[in-house]
Protein backbone atom coordinates (compact mmCIF):
# COMPACT_ATOMS: atom_id res chain seq x y z
CA MET A 1 -16.72 12.76 -3.98
CA GLY A 2 -18.42 11.20 -1.05
CA TYR A 3 -19.17 7.58 -0.44
CA ASP A 4 -20.71 7.22 3.05
CA ASP A 5 -20.57 8.87 6.41
CA PHE A 6 -17.25 7.16 7.30
CA THR A 7 -15.30 8.00 4.22
CA PRO A 8 -13.90 11.55 4.01
CA GLU A 9 -14.67 13.58 0.89
CA ALA A 10 -12.06 13.51 -1.71
CA ILE A 11 -11.04 15.34 -4.86
CA ILE A 12 -9.67 13.05 -7.42
CA VAL A 13 -7.62 14.41 -10.36
CA GLY A 14 -6.84 12.14 -13.26
CA ILE A 15 -4.33 12.81 -15.89
CA ALA A 16 -4.96 11.20 -19.22
CA TYR A 17 -3.24 11.40 -22.57
CA GLY A 18 -6.24 10.70 -24.65
CA SER A 19 -4.67 8.01 -26.85
CA PHE A 20 -2.15 5.21 -26.80
CA ASP A 21 -0.70 6.66 -30.09
CA PRO A 22 3.05 7.24 -29.27
CA GLY A 23 2.81 10.58 -30.92
CA ILE A 24 0.31 11.62 -28.37
CA ASN A 25 0.92 9.47 -25.27
CA LYS A 26 4.10 10.46 -23.57
CA ARG A 27 3.73 8.39 -20.37
CA SER A 28 7.09 6.76 -20.93
CA TYR A 29 8.83 10.08 -21.12
CA ASP A 30 6.84 11.89 -18.51
CA PHE A 31 7.15 9.18 -15.86
CA SER A 32 10.85 8.33 -16.33
CA MET A 33 14.01 9.92 -14.91
CA PRO A 34 16.72 11.00 -17.24
CA ALA A 35 18.62 8.08 -18.89
CA ALA A 36 22.38 7.71 -18.33
CA ASP A 37 22.80 7.60 -22.11
CA ASN A 38 20.38 10.66 -22.63
CA THR A 39 17.93 8.57 -24.48
CA PRO A 40 15.45 11.15 -25.83
CA THR A 41 12.47 9.02 -25.16
CA ARG A 42 13.08 9.16 -21.40
CA GLY A 43 13.75 11.87 -18.79
CA GLY A 44 10.66 13.93 -18.25
CA ALA A 45 9.96 13.05 -14.58
CA ASP A 46 11.36 16.20 -13.17
CA THR A 47 9.47 18.42 -15.66
CA PHE A 48 6.26 16.44 -14.84
CA LEU A 49 6.85 16.91 -11.08
CA ASN A 50 7.49 20.62 -11.71
CA PHE A 51 4.11 20.72 -13.53
CA LEU A 52 2.26 18.94 -10.74
CA GLU A 53 3.90 21.13 -8.02
CA GLN A 54 3.87 24.51 -9.74
CA GLU A 55 0.87 24.39 -11.91
CA LEU A 56 -1.73 21.52 -11.42
CA ILE A 57 -1.76 21.29 -7.55
CA PRO A 58 -1.97 25.03 -7.00
CA SER A 59 -4.72 25.25 -9.58
CA VAL A 60 -6.75 22.57 -7.89
CA GLU A 61 -6.07 23.97 -4.35
CA ASN A 62 -7.10 27.55 -5.44
CA ARG A 63 -10.24 26.31 -7.11
CA TYR A 64 -11.43 23.86 -4.55
CA PHE A 65 -11.31 23.46 -0.76
CA ALA A 66 -8.51 20.99 -0.76
CA ALA A 67 -6.24 20.12 2.13
CA PRO A 68 -2.56 20.38 1.11
CA ASN A 69 -1.55 18.02 3.86
CA GLN A 70 -3.83 15.30 2.58
CA ARG A 71 -2.45 14.89 -0.91
CA VAL A 72 -1.99 11.36 -2.32
CA LEU A 73 -0.20 10.37 -5.46
CA PHE A 74 -1.30 7.06 -7.17
CA GLY A 75 0.44 5.51 -10.16
CA GLN A 76 -0.09 2.35 -12.08
CA GLY A 77 2.55 0.65 -14.29
CA ARG A 78 4.79 3.52 -15.67
CA GLY A 79 2.90 5.86 -13.33
CA GLY A 80 3.89 3.35 -10.52
CA HIS A 81 7.55 3.96 -11.59
CA PHE A 82 6.94 7.63 -11.15
CA VAL A 83 5.63 7.25 -7.55
CA PRO A 84 8.86 5.98 -5.84
CA TYR A 85 10.84 8.52 -8.02
CA THR A 86 8.64 11.18 -6.44
CA ALA A 87 9.25 9.72 -2.93
CA TYR A 88 12.96 9.94 -3.48
CA THR A 89 13.11 13.36 -5.02
CA ARG A 90 10.26 15.29 -3.51
CA PRO A 91 9.29 13.30 -0.38
CA ASN A 92 7.21 16.19 1.15
CA LEU A 93 5.01 16.99 -1.85
CA PHE A 94 2.42 14.21 -1.02
CA ARG A 95 1.30 12.79 2.18
CA GLY A 96 0.65 9.36 0.70
CA LEU A 97 2.15 7.52 -2.18
CA ILE A 98 0.64 4.46 -3.73
CA ALA A 99 2.50 2.68 -6.51
CA SER A 100 0.46 -0.05 -8.04
CA ASN A 101 2.27 -2.63 -10.19
CA PRO A 102 5.25 -0.36 -10.70
CA THR A 103 7.73 -1.02 -13.44
CA LEU A 104 11.10 -0.15 -12.18
CA LEU A 105 12.76 -1.07 -15.37
CA PRO A 106 14.80 0.22 -17.20
CA GLN A 107 15.98 2.54 -14.53
CA LYS A 108 16.02 0.31 -11.48
CA ASP A 109 19.63 1.24 -10.74
CA PHE A 110 18.49 4.64 -9.59
CA PHE A 111 16.54 3.13 -6.72
CA SER A 112 19.47 0.86 -5.53
CA LYS A 113 22.21 3.54 -5.96
CA ASN A 114 20.07 6.21 -4.17
CA ALA A 115 18.83 3.84 -1.45
CA LYS A 116 17.35 5.63 1.54
CA ALA A 117 15.98 4.52 4.81
CA PRO A 118 12.21 3.94 4.48
CA SER A 119 11.55 6.63 7.13
CA GLU A 120 13.35 9.16 4.85
CA ILE A 121 10.83 8.63 2.06
CA LYS A 122 7.91 7.82 4.17
CA LEU A 123 7.61 4.13 3.22
CA LEU A 124 6.18 1.61 5.62
């Protein structure tokens, strides 16, 4: 995708669930870390990160001329919750991380208990 002579070309990959039906849409599961009480509706973040790192990203980078050192992860709402989790757990997977209106509940304790210096997780 190109916009003008000043904006670099970009490859944008969107991940959609195709429905808001809870039987299909697993955002709350995929974007959340394991719950302390093993709640079955939460806890898929590591599996989703593995999918991104081991399947989706290699597929895109093998198919298109994509620069691995220019990857950016964007998330909104529940996806915004997934972005700082990714920063904490896989800080080198993406060059840039954008969390738009992240909901840090119900697992906000993870971020305070695992607090790191902004430089460790590439936050400004």
